[in-house]
Amino acid sequence: MNRPDNYYQHHWQRPPVLDRERFALLLADLAALAPHVGCELSYGTEDGPCLGPELIAFNDGLEEEDEKGDDFLLERDVSGLDPSLYEEDGLYADYCETQGLPYDRFVRLTLVALSVRFPEATVWPGADLRGWVKAYRAYAQIILGGRLKIYERKNLRAFAALGGGRAAPAET
C-alpha cells in the first residue's frame, strides 16, 4: 500500500524551555508507557531509550541507514539553539519521520504525553489518524486509568474528526 509522504511525519511546536517539574511528569509517563510499545527502542550505544532529566531520545535501533527513521529528540531546553530555528511566535518547531517503523507507536505516545503535560505545545499528527486515536486511548488507559480529562477528550475528537492531515492546535 502506498502511503502519502506525510503519513508517518509527526510535527510539534513547543516553548523553547519546558518546565522542569512537568518534564519530570512527562518522563514518568514515558517510563510507564515504554513496556507497552511492543518493540525495541534504542539510542546510540545504549540499551533502550534515553529518558533523562534534560533529554528524551530514541530511535528504531536499526543498523541499515537506508531503513532507519529519524531519531526522536525532545530536549527540555532548546533556548540556546540558533534563533532562525524558531517560529515567528517564538515557539520551537520540530518533526520526526518514522517511515512507519515499529517505534512510530512510541513517537505517538510521547507526543500525546507532551500535549497532555504541556497543553501550550501543539502536535500535528501524520495522516494515520487511527494510530493517533490508539495512542490517545493507550495513554488514557495506562497513565490515566482509562479516564480522559476534558482537554484530552477535545484533542482526541480533533484528531478523530480530521479524516487526514493535521490537527488544529490543542485547546487549553
Protein backbone atom coordinates (compact mmCIF):
# COMPACT_ATOMS: atom_id res chain seq x y z
CA MET A 1 0.00 0.00 0.00
CA ASN A 2 1.43 3.38 -0.97
CA ARG A 3 1.33 5.90 1.83
CA PRO A 4 1.28 9.69 1.40
CA ASP A 5 4.59 11.37 2.16
CA ASN A 6 3.30 12.78 5.44
CA TYR A 7 1.76 9.51 6.64
CA TYR A 8 4.42 8.96 9.28
CA GLN A 9 5.64 12.54 9.73
CA HIS A 10 4.82 13.88 13.15
CA HIS A 11 5.30 17.61 13.82
CA TRP A 12 5.15 19.60 17.01
CA GLN A 13 5.69 23.11 18.34
CA ARG A 14 6.60 23.87 21.89
CA PRO A 15 8.07 26.65 24.03
CA PRO A 16 11.89 26.75 23.93
CA VAL A 17 12.11 25.84 27.62
CA LEU A 18 9.83 23.18 29.10
CA ASP A 19 9.06 23.44 32.81
CA ARG A 20 11.31 21.07 34.79
CA GLU A 21 8.54 19.66 37.02
CA ARG A 22 6.17 18.93 34.14
CA PHE A 23 9.06 17.47 32.12
CA ALA A 24 9.65 15.07 35.04
CA LEU A 25 5.98 14.06 34.84
CA LEU A 26 6.38 13.51 31.09
CA LEU A 27 9.40 11.26 31.78
CA ALA A 28 7.38 9.27 34.33
CA ASP A 29 4.62 8.83 31.75
CA LEU A 30 7.11 7.54 29.18
CA ALA A 31 8.72 5.14 31.63
CA ALA A 32 5.27 3.68 32.29
CA LEU A 33 4.39 3.57 28.57
CA ALA A 34 7.67 2.07 27.26
CA PRO A 35 6.92 -1.55 28.30
CA HIS A 36 3.68 -1.41 26.26
CA VAL A 37 5.28 -0.35 22.97
CA GLY A 38 5.93 -3.83 21.64
CA CYS A 39 9.29 -3.09 20.02
CA GLU A 40 12.89 -2.48 20.93
CA LEU A 41 13.88 1.13 21.44
CA SER A 42 17.45 2.32 21.49
CA TYR A 43 19.57 5.41 21.26
CA GLY A 44 23.23 5.49 20.37
CA THR A 45 25.06 2.65 22.07
CA GLU A 46 22.66 2.48 24.99
CA ASP A 47 20.15 -0.29 25.50
CA GLY A 48 16.73 1.28 25.39
CA PRO A 49 15.67 4.89 25.00
CA CYS A 50 17.33 7.85 26.68
CA LEU A 51 14.79 9.21 29.14
CA GLY A 52 16.83 11.72 31.11
CA PRO A 53 16.02 14.90 33.02
CA GLU A 54 17.09 17.07 30.06
CA LEU A 55 16.59 14.83 27.02
CA ILE A 56 14.20 12.26 25.59
CA ALA A 57 15.85 10.44 22.68
CA PHE A 58 15.22 7.16 20.91
CA ASN A 59 15.16 5.55 17.51
CA ASP A 60 14.22 2.31 15.82
CA GLY A 61 17.52 0.55 16.62
CA LEU A 62 18.07 -0.46 13.00
CA GLU A 63 21.61 -0.64 11.70
CA GLU A 64 20.83 -0.09 8.00
CA GLU A 65 20.96 3.65 7.39
CA ASP A 66 18.55 3.50 4.43
CA GLU A 67 15.93 1.68 6.52
CA LYS A 68 16.12 3.95 9.53
CA GLY A 69 13.58 6.51 10.59
CA ASP A 70 14.64 9.77 12.19
CA ASP A 71 15.91 9.85 15.74
CA PHE A 72 13.25 11.27 18.03
CA LEU A 73 14.77 14.07 20.13
CA LEU A 74 12.99 16.21 22.67
CA GLU A 75 15.26 18.43 24.73
CA ARG A 76 13.84 20.16 27.78
CA ASP A 77 15.70 23.38 26.95
CA VAL A 78 16.45 24.43 23.37
CA SER A 79 16.81 28.14 24.15
CA GLY A 80 20.49 28.07 23.13
CA LEU A 81 19.76 26.99 19.56
CA ASP A 82 20.07 29.23 16.52
CA PRO A 83 17.18 31.76 16.65
CA SER A 84 16.39 31.02 12.99
CA LEU A 85 15.00 27.66 14.14
CA TYR A 86 12.13 29.36 15.99
CA GLU A 87 8.77 30.21 14.52
CA GLU A 88 7.57 33.83 14.38
CA ASP A 89 5.56 33.30 17.57
CA GLY A 90 8.72 32.27 19.45
CA LEU A 91 7.85 28.57 19.57
CA TYR A 92 10.33 25.89 18.58
CA ALA A 93 9.12 23.57 15.82
CA ASP A 94 10.40 20.07 15.15
CA TYR A 95 9.35 16.83 13.49
CA CYS A 96 10.16 13.15 13.28
CA GLU A 97 9.63 10.94 10.24
CA THR A 98 9.36 7.31 11.34
CA GLN A 99 8.74 5.61 7.98
CA GLY A 100 6.10 3.52 9.73
CA LEU A 101 8.69 1.53 11.66
CA PRO A 102 7.61 -0.09 14.94
CA TYR A 103 8.98 2.75 17.10
CA ASP A 104 6.34 5.02 15.49
CA ARG A 105 3.99 3.92 18.28
CA PHE A 106 6.32 5.30 20.95
CA VAL A 107 6.73 8.54 18.98
CA ARG A 108 2.96 8.95 19.06
CA LEU A 109 2.71 8.07 22.75
CA THR A 110 5.49 10.56 23.51
CA LEU A 111 3.74 13.33 21.60
CA VAL A 112 0.40 12.55 23.24
CA ALA A 113 2.13 12.76 26.64
CA LEU A 114 3.79 16.04 25.56
CA SER A 115 0.42 17.52 24.57
CA VAL A 116 -1.12 16.44 27.89
CA ARG A 117 1.72 17.62 30.14
CA PHE A 118 2.32 20.78 28.09
CA PRO A 119 -1.04 21.99 26.73
CA GLU A 120 0.79 25.01 25.31
CA ALA A 121 2.53 22.63 22.87
CA THR A 122 0.86 21.82 19.57
CA VAL A 123 1.09 18.42 17.91
CA TRP A 124 0.26 17.77 14.26
CA PRO A 125 -0.12 14.06 13.58
CA GLY A 126 0.78 12.30 10.38
CA ALA A 127 -2.13 11.18 8.23
CA ASP A 128 -2.63 7.84 10.04
CA LEU A 129 -5.30 9.07 12.42
CA ARG A 130 -6.28 5.61 13.65
CA GLY A 131 -2.79 5.29 15.09
CA TRP A 132 -3.26 8.58 16.93
CA VAL A 133 -6.61 7.55 18.34
CA LYS A 134 -5.00 4.30 19.53
CA ALA A 135 -2.15 6.29 21.12
CA TYR A 136 -4.59 8.56 22.98
CA ARG A 137 -6.57 5.57 24.20
CA ALA A 138 -3.41 3.73 25.30
CA TYR A 139 -2.23 6.84 27.16
CA ALA A 140 -5.61 7.19 28.84
CA GLN A 141 -5.69 3.53 29.85
CA ILE A 142 -2.11 3.22 31.08
CA ILE A 143 -1.50 6.67 32.59
CA LEU A 144 -4.96 7.96 33.48
CA GLY A 145 -6.65 4.69 34.42
CA GLY A 146 -8.96 4.90 31.43
CA ARG A 147 -10.28 8.40 32.07
CA LEU A 148 -9.58 11.27 29.71
CA LYS A 149 -9.67 14.78 31.13
CA ILE A 150 -11.78 17.32 29.30
CA TYR A 151 -8.98 18.85 27.20
CA GLU A 152 -7.74 15.37 26.30
CA ARG A 153 -11.20 14.42 25.05
CA LYS A 154 -11.20 17.59 22.93
CA ASN A 155 -7.81 16.66 21.46
CA LEU A 156 -8.96 13.12 20.72
CA ARG A 157 -12.10 14.42 18.99
CA ALA A 158 -9.97 16.85 16.97
CA PHE A 159 -7.67 14.05 15.82
CA ALA A 160 -10.57 11.73 15.04
CA ALA A 161 -12.53 14.41 13.15
CA LEU A 162 -9.72 15.24 10.77
CA GLY A 163 -10.12 12.47 8.25
CA GLY A 164 -6.47 13.05 7.28
CA GLY A 165 -3.97 15.82 7.57
CA ARG A 166 -3.11 17.77 10.66
CA ALA A 167 -4.77 18.60 13.94
CA ALA A 168 -5.72 22.07 15.00
CA PRO A 169 -3.80 23.46 17.97
CA ALA A 170 -4.81 21.89 21.27
CA GLU A 171 -7.46 23.74 23.21
CA THR A 172 -6.48 24.59 26.76
